[in-house]
Amino acid sequence: MTAHDLRPGDLVTFPFGAMTIHARVIEDRGHLGIKGGQIEVIEQDADEPWRFEMGAAEIRRQQYCVISIC
């Protein structure tokens, strides 16, 4: 996935130790990272949400499967 694939509002995941954190992209900060890497502002959905910046290369868009039972 390239940085251009992420957009504000996308649900993403990233590894944090042995856990996987779920968050939402809030803002695209542009090519401010090391060697021009894309930086995203993300917010973790929790009782007390926290917002921080991460490199787009470190986060992945969540994949969803919709199952329809007819």
C-alpha atoms as a PDB file:
ATOM      1  CA  MET A   1       0.000   0.000   0.000  1.00  0.00           C
ATOM      2  CA  THR A   2       1.330   3.420  -0.834  1.00  0.00           C
ATOM      3  CA  ALA A   3       0.737   6.563   1.184  1.00  0.00           C
ATOM      4  CA  HIS A   4      -1.615   7.822  -1.519  1.00  0.00           C
ATOM      5  CA  ASP A   5      -3.989   4.947  -0.730  1.00  0.00           C
ATOM      6  CA  LEU A   6      -4.793   6.397   2.714  1.00  0.00           C
ATOM      7  CA  ARG A   7      -7.407   9.114   3.035  1.00  0.00           C
ATOM      8  CA  PRO A   8      -8.902  10.982   6.003  1.00  0.00           C
ATOM      9  CA  GLY A   9     -11.646   8.845   7.512  1.00  0.00           C
ATOM     10  CA  ASP A  10      -9.997   5.511   6.650  1.00  0.00           C
ATOM     11  CA  LEU A  11      -9.893   2.953   9.451  1.00  0.00           C
ATOM     12  CA  VAL A  12      -6.357   1.650   9.953  1.00  0.00           C
ATOM     13  CA  THR A  13      -4.348  -0.723  12.131  1.00  0.00           C
ATOM     14  CA  PHE A  14      -0.755  -0.758  13.299  1.00  0.00           C
ATOM     15  CA  PRO A  15       1.308  -3.026  15.533  1.00  0.00           C
ATOM     16  CA  PHE A  16       2.082  -1.820  19.065  1.00  0.00           C
ATOM     17  CA  GLY A  17       4.162  -4.400  20.895  1.00  0.00           C
ATOM     18  CA  ALA A  18       2.189  -7.639  20.899  1.00  0.00           C
ATOM     19  CA  MET A  19      -1.109  -5.813  20.213  1.00  0.00           C
ATOM     20  CA  THR A  20      -2.772  -4.457  17.088  1.00  0.00           C
ATOM     21  CA  ILE A  21      -4.173  -0.939  17.531  1.00  0.00           C
ATOM     22  CA  HIS A  22      -7.243   0.221  15.592  1.00  0.00           C
ATOM     23  CA  ALA A  23      -7.466   3.902  14.653  1.00  0.00           C
ATOM     24  CA  ARG A  24      -8.826   6.389  12.086  1.00  0.00           C
ATOM     25  CA  VAL A  25      -6.886   8.667   9.716  1.00  0.00           C
ATOM     26  CA  ILE A  26      -7.714  12.282  10.632  1.00  0.00           C
ATOM     27  CA  GLU A  27      -5.356  14.274   8.401  1.00  0.00           C
ATOM     28  CA  ASP A  28      -2.723  13.832   5.705  1.00  0.00           C
ATOM     29  CA  ARG A  29       0.280  15.969   6.735  1.00  0.00           C
ATOM     30  CA  GLY A  30       2.221  15.496   3.508  1.00  0.00           C
ATOM     31  CA  HIS A  31       5.798  14.449   2.818  1.00  0.00           C
ATOM     32  CA  LEU A  32       7.295  15.538   6.145  1.00  0.00           C
ATOM     33  CA  GLY A  33       8.881  12.238   7.183  1.00  0.00           C
ATOM     34  CA  ILE A  34      12.362  10.850   6.748  1.00  0.00           C
ATOM     35  CA  LYS A  35      13.403  10.877   3.057  1.00  0.00           C
ATOM     36  CA  GLY A  36      10.072  12.507   2.160  1.00  0.00           C
ATOM     37  CA  GLY A  37       7.906   9.858   3.793  1.00  0.00           C
ATOM     38  CA  GLN A  38       4.170  10.548   4.061  1.00  0.00           C
ATOM     39  CA  ILE A  39       2.915  11.462   7.553  1.00  0.00           C
ATOM     40  CA  GLU A  40      -0.674  10.815   8.694  1.00  0.00           C
ATOM     41  CA  VAL A  41      -2.448  12.117  11.792  1.00  0.00           C
ATOM     42  CA  ILE A  42      -4.407   9.243  13.307  1.00  0.00           C
ATOM     43  CA  GLU A  43      -6.763   8.994  16.270  1.00  0.00           C
ATOM     44  CA  GLN A  44      -7.336   5.888  18.321  1.00  0.00           C
ATOM     45  CA  ASP A  45     -10.995   5.204  19.059  1.00  0.00           C
ATOM     46  CA  ALA A  46     -11.279   4.714  22.822  1.00  0.00           C
ATOM     47  CA  ASP A  47     -13.035   6.130  25.893  1.00  0.00           C
ATOM     48  CA  GLU A  48     -10.403   8.866  25.892  1.00  0.00           C
ATOM     49  CA  PRO A  49      -9.255   9.137  22.257  1.00  0.00           C
ATOM     50  CA  TRP A  50      -5.636  10.041  21.620  1.00  0.00           C
ATOM     51  CA  ARG A  51      -4.299  11.623  18.448  1.00  0.00           C
ATOM     52  CA  PHE A  52      -0.754  11.353  17.081  1.00  0.00           C
ATOM     53  CA  GLU A  53       1.296  11.334  13.864  1.00  0.00           C
ATOM     54  CA  MET A  54       2.717   8.227  12.191  1.00  0.00           C
ATOM     55  CA  GLY A  55       4.451   7.404   8.958  1.00  0.00           C
ATOM     56  CA  ALA A  56       2.046   5.999   6.351  1.00  0.00           C
ATOM     57  CA  ALA A  57       4.448   3.094   5.792  1.00  0.00           C
ATOM     58  CA  GLU A  58       3.808   1.930   9.385  1.00  0.00           C
ATOM     59  CA  ILE A  59       0.003   1.709   9.185  1.00  0.00           C
ATOM     60  CA  ARG A  60      -2.377  -0.458   7.162  1.00  0.00           C
ATOM     61  CA  ARG A  61      -5.980   0.113   6.092  1.00  0.00           C
ATOM     62  CA  GLN A  62      -8.405  -2.268   7.809  1.00  0.00           C
ATOM     63  CA  GLN A  63      -9.877  -4.918   5.543  1.00  0.00           C
ATOM     64  CA  TYR A  64     -13.569  -5.697   5.812  1.00  0.00           C
ATOM     65  CA  CYS A  65     -15.509  -8.728   4.676  1.00  0.00           C
ATOM     66  CA  VAL A  66     -19.232  -8.389   4.263  1.00  0.00           C
ATOM     67  CA  ILE A  67     -21.113 -11.676   4.469  1.00  0.00           C
ATOM     68  CA  SER A  68     -24.642 -11.725   3.153  1.00  0.00           C
ATOM     69  CA  ILE A  69     -26.941 -14.538   4.223  1.00  0.00           C
ATOM     70  CA  CYS A  70     -30.048 -14.801   2.053  1.00  0.00           C
END
